Amino acid sequence: MNKNNKDTFTRSDIEKSLRKEFPDLTKSQISIAIEVILDSIIESVALDEKVEIRGFGTFSKKFIRPRRFTNPKTKKVSYIGETATMHFKPSKSLIKK
């Protein structure tokens, strides 16, 4: 993926790829486009909507049940209410790659 042989493909790597693909767009235009896409995914998932990108996967909100935990230092038992997290399910074609 990268020259540095790292396993992480970052936002700047995406920007570089898009600049090669669309040389007529400026760096700031590409950065704004990526920001709009990510913001719209985040906002939709926050509003309990699923975001499906065909051939890539589906983003959705996943709820984690309420649970209790014990502080290891004080041994005090506390409770965490239901929490939400973003969930990504890759498409079958993405898994095959």
PDB file of N, CA and C in Angstrom:
ATOM      1  N   MET A   1       0.802  -1.194   0.000  1.00  0.00           N
ATOM      2  CA  MET A   1       0.000   0.000   0.000  1.00  0.00           C
ATOM      3  C   MET A   1       0.845   1.258   0.000  1.00  0.00           C
ATOM      4  N   ASN A   2       1.728   1.364   0.946  1.00  0.00           N
ATOM      5  CA  ASN A   2       2.539   2.562   1.113  1.00  0.00           C
ATOM      6  C   ASN A   2       4.008   2.274   0.886  1.00  0.00           C
ATOM      7  N   LYS A   3       4.763   3.343   0.715  1.00  0.00           N
ATOM      8  CA  LYS A   3       6.203   3.213   0.593  1.00  0.00           C
ATOM      9  C   LYS A   3       6.816   2.761   1.910  1.00  0.00           C
ATOM     10  N   ASN A   4       6.175   3.136   3.040  1.00  0.00           N
ATOM     11  CA  ASN A   4       6.715   2.847   4.357  1.00  0.00           C
ATOM     12  C   ASN A   4       6.436   1.429   4.824  1.00  0.00           C
ATOM     13  N   ASN A   5       5.773   0.611   4.004  1.00  0.00           N
ATOM     14  CA  ASN A   5       5.418  -0.760   4.349  1.00  0.00           C
ATOM     15  C   ASN A   5       4.603  -0.848   5.631  1.00  0.00           C
ATOM     16  N   LYS A   6       3.767   0.145   5.869  1.00  0.00           N
ATOM     17  CA  LYS A   6       2.903   0.069   7.040  1.00  0.00           C
ATOM     18  C   LYS A   6       1.561  -0.519   6.635  1.00  0.00           C
ATOM     19  N   ASP A   7       0.832  -1.056   7.599  1.00  0.00           N
ATOM     20  CA  ASP A   7      -0.423  -1.729   7.316  1.00  0.00           C
ATOM     21  C   ASP A   7      -1.627  -0.792   7.306  1.00  0.00           C
ATOM     22  N   THR A   8      -1.434   0.457   7.683  1.00  0.00           N
ATOM     23  CA  THR A   8      -2.543   1.395   7.791  1.00  0.00           C
ATOM     24  C   THR A   8      -2.635   2.271   6.555  1.00  0.00           C
ATOM     25  N   PHE A   9      -3.823   2.328   5.990  1.00  0.00           N
ATOM     26  CA  PHE A   9      -4.101   3.202   4.847  1.00  0.00           C
ATOM     27  C   PHE A   9      -4.829   4.411   5.413  1.00  0.00           C
ATOM     28  N   THR A  10      -4.185   5.562   5.424  1.00  0.00           N
ATOM     29  CA  THR A  10      -4.690   6.736   6.117  1.00  0.00           C
ATOM     30  C   THR A  10      -5.470   7.670   5.190  1.00  0.00           C
ATOM     31  N   ARG A  11      -6.058   8.680   5.798  1.00  0.00           N
ATOM     32  CA  ARG A  11      -6.799   9.688   5.042  1.00  0.00           C
ATOM     33  C   ARG A  11      -5.887  10.384   4.027  1.00  0.00           C
ATOM     34  N   SER A  12      -4.652  10.665   4.414  1.00  0.00           N
ATOM     35  CA  SER A  12      -3.729  11.315   3.477  1.00  0.00           C
ATOM     36  C   SER A  12      -3.402  10.395   2.305  1.00  0.00           C
ATOM     37  N   ASP A  13      -3.383   9.081   2.535  1.00  0.00           N
ATOM     38  CA  ASP A  13      -3.180   8.129   1.441  1.00  0.00           C
ATOM     39  C   ASP A  13      -4.358   8.180   0.467  1.00  0.00           C
ATOM     40  N   ILE A  14      -5.568   8.306   1.012  1.00  0.00           N
ATOM     41  CA  ILE A  14      -6.754   8.435   0.167  1.00  0.00           C
ATOM     42  C   ILE A  14      -6.660   9.711  -0.660  1.00  0.00           C
ATOM     43  N   GLU A  15      -6.257  10.799  -0.018  1.00  0.00           N
ATOM     44  CA  GLU A  15      -6.112  12.075  -0.734  1.00  0.00           C
ATOM     45  C   GLU A  15      -5.089  11.962  -1.859  1.00  0.00           C
ATOM     46  N   LYS A  16      -3.971  11.302  -1.603  1.00  0.00           N
ATOM     47  CA  LYS A  16      -2.945  11.121  -2.644  1.00  0.00           C
ATOM     48  C   LYS A  16      -3.482  10.319  -3.818  1.00  0.00           C
ATOM     49  N   SER A  17      -4.226   9.247  -3.511  1.00  0.00           N
ATOM     50  CA  SER A  17      -4.813   8.419  -4.572  1.00  0.00           C
ATOM     51  C   SER A  17      -5.799   9.217  -5.413  1.00  0.00           C
ATOM     52  N   LEU A  18      -6.615  10.013  -4.749  1.00  0.00           N
ATOM     53  CA  LEU A  18      -7.595  10.827  -5.479  1.00  0.00           C
ATOM     54  C   LEU A  18      -6.923  11.918  -6.304  1.00  0.00           C
ATOM     55  N   ARG A  19      -5.810  12.482  -5.808  1.00  0.00           N
ATOM     56  CA  ARG A  19      -5.089  13.494  -6.591  1.00  0.00           C
ATOM     57  C   ARG A  19      -4.510  12.898  -7.864  1.00  0.00           C
ATOM     58  N   LYS A  20      -4.044  11.639  -7.783  1.00  0.00           N
ATOM     59  CA  LYS A  20      -3.538  10.969  -8.986  1.00  0.00           C
ATOM     60  C   LYS A  20      -4.667  10.703  -9.974  1.00  0.00           C
ATOM     61  N   GLU A  21      -5.826  10.303  -9.446  1.00  0.00           N
ATOM     62  CA  GLU A  21      -6.986   9.973 -10.280  1.00  0.00           C
ATOM     63  C   GLU A  21      -7.635  11.213 -10.884  1.00  0.00           C
ATOM     64  N   PHE A  22      -7.647  12.320 -10.116  1.00  0.00           N
ATOM     65  CA  PHE A  22      -8.285  13.565 -10.555  1.00  0.00           C
ATOM     66  C   PHE A  22      -7.305  14.724 -10.417  1.00  0.00           C
ATOM     67  N   PRO A  23      -6.339  14.834 -11.326  1.00  0.00           N
ATOM     68  CA  PRO A  23      -5.296  15.866 -11.198  1.00  0.00           C
ATOM     69  C   PRO A  23      -5.824  17.299 -11.332  1.00  0.00           C
ATOM     70  N   ASP A  24      -7.016  17.469 -11.903  1.00  0.00           N
ATOM     71  CA  ASP A  24      -7.559  18.820 -12.058  1.00  0.00           C
ATOM     72  C   ASP A  24      -8.176  19.362 -10.770  1.00  0.00           C
ATOM     73  N   LEU A  25      -8.371  18.511  -9.760  1.00  0.00           N
ATOM     74  CA  LEU A  25      -8.908  18.970  -8.480  1.00  0.00           C
ATOM     75  C   LEU A  25      -7.771  19.394  -7.561  1.00  0.00           C
ATOM     76  N   THR A  26      -8.020  20.435  -6.765  1.00  0.00           N
ATOM     77  CA  THR A  26      -6.996  20.900  -5.826  1.00  0.00           C
ATOM     78  C   THR A  26      -6.996  20.021  -4.582  1.00  0.00           C
ATOM     79  N   LYS A  27      -5.924  20.149  -3.825  1.00  0.00           N
ATOM     80  CA  LYS A  27      -5.796  19.382  -2.586  1.00  0.00           C
ATOM     81  C   LYS A  27      -6.934  19.727  -1.625  1.00  0.00           C
ATOM     82  N   SER A  28      -7.285  21.013  -1.545  1.00  0.00           N
ATOM     83  CA  SER A  28      -8.352  21.421  -0.629  1.00  0.00           C
ATOM     84  C   SER A  28      -9.714  20.918  -1.101  1.00  0.00           C
ATOM     85  N   GLN A  29      -9.958  20.861  -2.409  1.00  0.00           N
ATOM     86  CA  GLN A  29     -11.227  20.335  -2.917  1.00  0.00           C
ATOM     87  C   GLN A  29     -11.376  18.855  -2.575  1.00  0.00           C
ATOM     88  N   ILE A  30     -10.297  18.114  -2.712  1.00  0.00           N
ATOM     89  CA  ILE A  30     -10.314  16.687  -2.379  1.00  0.00           C
ATOM     90  C   ILE A  30     -10.528  16.498  -0.883  1.00  0.00           C
ATOM     91  N   SER A  31      -9.847  17.298  -0.077  1.00  0.00           N
ATOM     92  CA  SER A  31      -9.979  17.208   1.371  1.00  0.00           C
ATOM     93  C   SER A  31     -11.413  17.525   1.809  1.00  0.00           C
ATOM     94  N   ILE A  32     -12.017  18.547   1.204  1.00  0.00           N
ATOM     95  CA  ILE A  32     -13.401  18.917   1.520  1.00  0.00           C
ATOM     96  C   ILE A  32     -14.354  17.795   1.116  1.00  0.00           C
ATOM     97  N   ALA A  33     -14.136  17.189  -0.039  1.00  0.00           N
ATOM     98  CA  ALA A  33     -14.996  16.105  -0.506  1.00  0.00           C
ATOM     99  C   ALA A  33     -14.951  14.915   0.453  1.00  0.00           C
ATOM    100  N   ILE A  34     -13.760  14.550   0.903  1.00  0.00           N
ATOM    101  CA  ILE A  34     -13.619  13.445   1.850  1.00  0.00           C
ATOM    102  C   ILE A  34     -14.324  13.796   3.159  1.00  0.00           C
ATOM    103  N   GLU A  35     -14.159  15.020   3.620  1.00  0.00           N
ATOM    104  CA  GLU A  35     -14.794  15.469   4.860  1.00  0.00           C
ATOM    105  C   GLU A  35     -16.318  15.391   4.769  1.00  0.00           C
ATOM    106  N   VAL A  36     -16.879  15.812   3.635  1.00  0.00           N
ATOM    107  CA  VAL A  36     -18.334  15.773   3.434  1.00  0.00           C
ATOM    108  C   VAL A  36     -18.833  14.331   3.444  1.00  0.00           C
ATOM    109  N   ILE A  37     -18.117  13.434   2.778  1.00  0.00           N
ATOM    110  CA  ILE A  37     -18.511  12.024   2.739  1.00  0.00           C
ATOM    111  C   ILE A  37     -18.491  11.419   4.142  1.00  0.00           C
ATOM    112  N   LEU A  38     -17.407  11.629   4.867  1.00  0.00           N
ATOM    113  CA  LEU A  38     -17.297  11.062   6.210  1.00  0.00           C
ATOM    114  C   LEU A  38     -18.335  11.653   7.157  1.00  0.00           C
ATOM    115  N   ASP A  39     -18.538  12.967   7.095  1.00  0.00           N
ATOM    116  CA  ASP A  39     -19.534  13.613   7.946  1.00  0.00           C
ATOM    117  C   ASP A  39     -20.942  13.097   7.673  1.00  0.00           C
ATOM    118  N   SER A  40     -21.259  12.873   6.396  1.00  0.00           N
ATOM    119  CA  SER A  40     -22.597  12.391   6.082  1.00  0.00           C
ATOM    120  C   SER A  40     -22.797  10.946   6.567  1.00  0.00           C
ATOM    121  N   ILE A  41     -21.760  10.122   6.505  1.00  0.00           N
ATOM    122  CA  ILE A  41     -21.845   8.755   7.036  1.00  0.00           C
ATOM    123  C   ILE A  41     -22.051   8.809   8.549  1.00  0.00           C
ATOM    124  N   ILE A  42     -21.245   9.607   9.231  1.00  0.00           N
ATOM    125  CA  ILE A  42     -21.324   9.711  10.692  1.00  0.00           C
ATOM    126  C   ILE A  42     -22.684  10.241  11.122  1.00  0.00           C
ATOM    127  N   GLU A  43     -23.162  11.276  10.465  1.00  0.00           N
ATOM    128  CA  GLU A  43     -24.449  11.865  10.821  1.00  0.00           C
ATOM    129  C   GLU A  43     -25.597  10.880  10.606  1.00  0.00           C
ATOM    130  N   SER A  44     -25.574  10.166   9.495  1.00  0.00           N
ATOM    131  CA  SER A  44     -26.634   9.199   9.210  1.00  0.00           C
ATOM    132  C   SER A  44     -26.650   8.073  10.233  1.00  0.00           C
ATOM    133  N   VAL A  45     -25.483   7.551  10.569  1.00  0.00           N
ATOM    134  CA  VAL A  45     -25.408   6.467  11.549  1.00  0.00           C
ATOM    135  C   VAL A  45     -25.849   6.978  12.927  1.00  0.00           C
ATOM    136  N   ALA A  46     -25.482   8.210  13.267  1.00  0.00           N
ATOM    137  CA  ALA A  46     -25.893   8.784  14.550  1.00  0.00           C
ATOM    138  C   ALA A  46     -27.410   8.902  14.630  1.00  0.00           C
ATOM    139  N   LEU A  47     -28.076   9.078  13.494  1.00  0.00           N
ATOM    140  CA  LEU A  47     -29.533   9.179  13.447  1.00  0.00           C
ATOM    141  C   LEU A  47     -30.189   7.803  13.256  1.00  0.00           C
ATOM    142  N   ASP A  48     -29.458   6.745  13.558  1.00  0.00           N
ATOM    143  CA  ASP A  48     -29.933   5.353  13.486  1.00  0.00           C
ATOM    144  C   ASP A  48     -30.255   4.886  12.073  1.00  0.00           C
ATOM    145  N   GLU A  49     -29.647   5.478  11.072  1.00  0.00           N
ATOM    146  CA  GLU A  49     -29.832   5.028   9.702  1.00  0.00           C
ATOM    147  C   GLU A  49     -28.651   4.136   9.324  1.00  0.00           C
ATOM    148  N   LYS A  50     -28.899   3.175   8.431  1.00  0.00           N
ATOM    149  CA  LYS A  50     -27.813   2.361   7.883  1.00  0.00           C
ATOM    150  C   LYS A  50     -27.265   3.074   6.659  1.00  0.00           C
ATOM    151  N   VAL A  51     -25.977   2.978   6.460  1.00  0.00           N
ATOM    152  CA  VAL A  51     -25.336   3.539   5.273  1.00  0.00           C
ATOM    153  C   VAL A  51     -24.732   2.372   4.514  1.00  0.00           C
ATOM    154  N   GLU A  52     -25.272   2.094   3.340  1.00  0.00           N
ATOM    155  CA  GLU A  52     -24.792   0.971   2.531  1.00  0.00           C
ATOM    156  C   GLU A  52     -24.048   1.500   1.312  1.00  0.00           C
ATOM    157  N   ILE A  53     -22.820   1.064   1.162  1.00  0.00           N
ATOM    158  CA  ILE A  53     -22.016   1.400  -0.008  1.00  0.00           C
ATOM    159  C   ILE A  53     -21.787   0.088  -0.744  1.00  0.00           C
ATOM    160  N   ARG A  54     -22.478  -0.081  -1.854  1.00  0.00           N
ATOM    161  CA  ARG A  54     -22.427  -1.352  -2.601  1.00  0.00           C
ATOM    162  C   ARG A  54     -20.989  -1.699  -2.958  1.00  0.00           C
ATOM    163  N   GLY A  55     -20.637  -2.937  -2.755  1.00  0.00           N
ATOM    164  CA  GLY A  55     -19.291  -3.407  -3.064  1.00  0.00           C
ATOM    165  C   GLY A  55     -18.280  -3.087  -1.976  1.00  0.00           C
ATOM    166  N   PHE A  56     -18.695  -2.359  -0.939  1.00  0.00           N
ATOM    167  CA  PHE A  56     -17.782  -1.996   0.153  1.00  0.00           C
ATOM    168  C   PHE A  56     -18.297  -2.529   1.474  1.00  0.00           C
ATOM    169  N   GLY A  57     -19.501  -2.092   1.879  1.00  0.00           N
ATOM    170  CA  GLY A  57     -20.052  -2.583   3.131  1.00  0.00           C
ATOM    171  C   GLY A  57     -21.133  -1.680   3.673  1.00  0.00           C
ATOM    172  N   THR A  58     -21.564  -1.978   4.900  1.00  0.00           N
ATOM    173  CA  THR A  58     -22.644  -1.246   5.540  1.00  0.00           C
ATOM    174  C   THR A  58     -22.197  -0.742   6.900  1.00  0.00           C
ATOM    175  N   PHE A  59     -22.458   0.539   7.159  1.00  0.00           N
ATOM    176  CA  PHE A  59     -22.203   1.149   8.454  1.00  0.00           C
ATOM    177  C   PHE A  59     -23.527   1.230   9.189  1.00  0.00           C
ATOM    178  N   SER A  60     -23.527   0.893  10.476  1.00  0.00           N
ATOM    179  CA  SER A  60     -24.750   1.005  11.268  1.00  0.00           C
ATOM    180  C   SER A  60     -24.372   1.252  12.723  1.00  0.00           C
ATOM    181  N   LYS A  61     -25.382   1.616  13.501  1.00  0.00           N
ATOM    182  CA  LYS A  61     -25.182   1.834  14.932  1.00  0.00           C
ATOM    183  C   LYS A  61     -25.476   0.522  15.642  1.00  0.00           C
ATOM    184  N   LYS A  62     -24.619   0.150  16.566  1.00  0.00           N
ATOM    185  CA  LYS A  62     -24.797  -1.078  17.329  1.00  0.00           C
ATOM    186  C   LYS A  62     -24.865  -0.692  18.809  1.00  0.00           C
ATOM    187  N   PHE A  63     -25.849  -1.231  19.483  1.00  0.00           N
ATOM    188  CA  PHE A  63     -26.010  -0.929  20.899  1.00  0.00           C
ATOM    189  C   PHE A  63     -25.360  -2.016  21.741  1.00  0.00           C
ATOM    190  N   ILE A  64     -24.686  -1.585  22.789  1.00  0.00           N
ATOM    191  CA  ILE A  64     -24.032  -2.500  23.719  1.00  0.00           C
ATOM    192  C   ILE A  64     -24.861  -2.510  24.997  1.00  0.00           C
ATOM    193  N   ARG A  65     -25.211  -3.687  25.445  1.00  0.00           N
ATOM    194  CA  ARG A  65     -26.101  -3.831  26.594  1.00  0.00           C
ATOM    195  C   ARG A  65     -25.531  -3.147  27.838  1.00  0.00           C
ATOM    196  N   PRO A  66     -26.419  -2.738  28.748  1.00  0.00           N
ATOM    197  CA  PRO A  66     -25.933  -2.191  30.025  1.00  0.00           C
ATOM    198  C   PRO A  66     -25.150  -3.279  30.768  1.00  0.00           C
ATOM    199  N   ARG A  67     -24.158  -2.887  31.523  1.00  0.00           N
ATOM    200  CA  ARG A  67     -23.354  -3.880  32.232  1.00  0.00           C
ATOM    201  C   ARG A  67     -22.750  -3.274  33.497  1.00  0.00           C
ATOM    202  N   ARG A  68     -22.290  -4.136  34.357  1.00  0.00           N
ATOM    203  CA  ARG A  68     -21.630  -3.671  35.576  1.00  0.00           C
ATOM    204  C   ARG A  68     -20.144  -3.936  35.458  1.00  0.00           C
ATOM    205  N   PHE A  69     -19.374  -3.153  36.174  1.00  0.00           N
ATOM    206  CA  PHE A  69     -17.927  -3.371  36.174  1.00  0.00           C
ATOM    207  C   PHE A  69     -17.394  -3.062  37.564  1.00  0.00           C
ATOM    208  N   THR A  70     -16.244  -3.616  37.858  1.00  0.00           N
ATOM    209  CA  THR A  70     -15.596  -3.402  39.147  1.00  0.00           C
ATOM    210  C   THR A  70     -14.276  -2.685  38.921  1.00  0.00           C
ATOM    211  N   ASN A  71     -14.096  -1.579  39.642  1.00  0.00           N
ATOM    212  CA  ASN A  71     -12.837  -0.858  39.571  1.00  0.00           C
ATOM    213  C   ASN A  71     -11.777  -1.714  40.266  1.00  0.00           C
ATOM    214  N   PRO A  72     -10.717  -2.110  39.543  1.00  0.00           N
ATOM    215  CA  PRO A  72      -9.723  -3.016  40.134  1.00  0.00           C
ATOM    216  C   PRO A  72      -8.990  -2.422  41.344  1.00  0.00           C
ATOM    217  N   LYS A  73      -8.831  -1.091  41.390  1.00  0.00           N
ATOM    218  CA  LYS A  73      -8.118  -0.476  42.508  1.00  0.00           C
ATOM    219  C   LYS A  73      -8.983  -0.394  43.755  1.00  0.00           C
ATOM    220  N   THR A  74     -10.203   0.128  43.576  1.00  0.00           N
ATOM    221  CA  THR A  74     -11.060   0.387  44.737  1.00  0.00           C
ATOM    222  C   THR A  74     -12.041  -0.742  45.024  1.00  0.00           C
ATOM    223  N   LYS A  75     -12.180  -1.666  44.103  1.00  0.00           N
ATOM    224  CA  LYS A  75     -13.141  -2.779  44.186  1.00  0.00           C
ATOM    225  C   LYS A  75     -14.593  -2.290  44.215  1.00  0.00           C
ATOM    226  N   LYS A  76     -14.780  -1.025  43.846  1.00  0.00           N
ATOM    227  CA  LYS A  76     -16.127  -0.462  43.824  1.00  0.00           C
ATOM    228  C   LYS A  76     -16.868  -0.961  42.578  1.00  0.00           C
ATOM    229  N   VAL A  77     -18.102  -1.392  42.754  1.00  0.00           N
ATOM    230  CA  VAL A  77     -18.923  -1.879  41.646  1.00  0.00           C
ATOM    231  C   VAL A  77     -19.720  -0.701  41.101  1.00  0.00           C
ATOM    232  N   SER A  78     -19.667  -0.516  39.787  1.00  0.00           N
ATOM    233  CA  SER A  78     -20.413   0.548  39.133  1.00  0.00           C
ATOM    234  C   SER A  78     -21.158  -0.033  37.941  1.00  0.00           C
ATOM    235  N   TYR A  79     -22.040   0.764  37.388  1.00  0.00           N
ATOM    236  CA  TYR A  79     -22.845   0.303  36.260  1.00  0.00           C
ATOM    237  C   TYR A  79     -22.718   1.270  35.095  1.00  0.00           C
ATOM    238  N   ILE A  80     -22.639   0.715  33.901  1.00  0.00           N
ATOM    239  CA  ILE A  80     -22.615   1.507  32.668  1.00  0.00           C
ATOM    240  C   ILE A  80     -23.936   1.249  31.973  1.00  0.00           C
ATOM    241  N   GLY A  81     -24.603   2.317  31.575  1.00  0.00           N
ATOM    242  CA  GLY A  81     -25.856   2.167  30.853  1.00  0.00           C
ATOM    243  C   GLY A  81     -25.593   1.683  29.437  1.00  0.00           C
ATOM    244  N   GLU A  82     -26.653   1.536  28.688  1.00  0.00           N
ATOM    245  CA  GLU A  82     -26.524   1.107  27.297  1.00  0.00           C
ATOM    246  C   GLU A  82     -25.703   2.138  26.529  1.00  0.00           C
ATOM    247  N   THR A  83     -24.744   1.678  25.763  1.00  0.00           N
ATOM    248  CA  THR A  83     -23.920   2.564  24.953  1.00  0.00           C
ATOM    249  C   THR A  83     -24.042   2.162  23.486  1.00  0.00           C
ATOM    250  N   ALA A  84     -23.693   3.091  22.622  1.00  0.00           N
ATOM    251  CA  ALA A  84     -23.772   2.826  21.186  1.00  0.00           C
ATOM    252  C   ALA A  84     -22.385   2.950  20.575  1.00  0.00           C
ATOM    253  N   THR A  85     -22.158   2.176  19.538  1.00  0.00           N
ATOM    254  CA  THR A  85     -20.907   2.241  18.799  1.00  0.00           C
ATOM    255  C   THR A  85     -21.205   2.068  17.313  1.00  0.00           C
ATOM    256  N   MET A  86     -20.271   2.483  16.475  1.00  0.00           N
ATOM    257  CA  MET A  86     -20.455   2.311  15.037  1.00  0.00           C
ATOM    258  C   MET A  86     -20.001   0.910  14.654  1.00  0.00           C
ATOM    259  N   HIS A  87     -20.793   0.268  13.807  1.00  0.00           N
ATOM    260  CA  HIS A  87     -20.495  -1.090  13.367  1.00  0.00           C
ATOM    261  C   HIS A  87     -20.328  -1.082  11.847  1.00  0.00           C
ATOM    262  N   PHE A  88     -19.336  -1.819  11.364  1.00  0.00           N
ATOM    263  CA  PHE A  88     -19.121  -1.934   9.920  1.00  0.00           C
ATOM    264  C   PHE A  88     -19.182  -3.404   9.533  1.00  0.00           C
ATOM    265  N   LYS A  89     -20.021  -3.708   8.548  1.00  0.00           N
ATOM    266  CA  LYS A  89     -20.107  -5.070   8.025  1.00  0.00           C
ATOM    267  C   LYS A  89     -19.639  -5.024   6.578  1.00  0.00           C
ATOM    268  N   PRO A  90     -18.494  -5.631   6.280  1.00  0.00           N
ATOM    269  CA  PRO A  90     -17.983  -5.593   4.901  1.00  0.00           C
ATOM    270  C   PRO A  90     -18.866  -6.393   3.950  1.00  0.00           C
ATOM    271  N   SER A  91     -18.892  -5.978   2.699  1.00  0.00           N
ATOM    272  CA  SER A  91     -19.661  -6.705   1.686  1.00  0.00           C
ATOM    273  C   SER A  91     -18.941  -8.002   1.334  1.00  0.00           C
ATOM    274  N   LYS A  92     -19.672  -8.914   0.731  1.00  0.00           N
ATOM    275  CA  LYS A  92     -19.072 -10.192   0.339  1.00  0.00           C
ATOM    276  C   LYS A  92     -17.934  -9.992  -0.659  1.00  0.00           C
ATOM    277  N   SER A  93     -18.103  -9.034  -1.581  1.00  0.00           N
ATOM    278  CA  SER A  93     -17.045  -8.807  -2.576  1.00  0.00           C
ATOM    279  C   SER A  93     -15.794  -8.214  -1.932  1.00  0.00           C
ATOM    280  N   LEU A  94     -15.956  -7.415  -0.873  1.00  0.00           N
ATOM    281  CA  LEU A  94     -14.802  -6.867  -0.173  1.00  0.00           C
ATOM    282  C   LEU A  94     -14.079  -7.985   0.589  1.00  0.00           C
ATOM    283  N   ILE A  95     -14.822  -8.900   1.172  1.00  0.00           N
ATOM    284  CA  ILE A  95     -14.222 -10.010   1.904  1.00  0.00           C
ATOM    285  C   ILE A  95     -13.403 -10.898   0.969  1.00  0.00           C
ATOM    286  N   LYS A  96     -13.906 -11.094  -0.268  1.00  0.00           N
ATOM    287  CA  LYS A  96     -13.182 -11.938  -1.233  1.00  0.00           C
ATOM    288  C   LYS A  96     -11.848 -11.339  -1.635  1.00  0.00           C
ATOM    289  N   LYS A  97     -11.742 -10.009  -1.639  1.00  0.00           N
ATOM    290  CA  LYS A  97     -10.497  -9.354  -2.019  1.00  0.00           C
ATOM    291  C   LYS A  97      -9.516  -9.478  -0.909  1.00  0.00           C
TER     292      LYS A  97
END
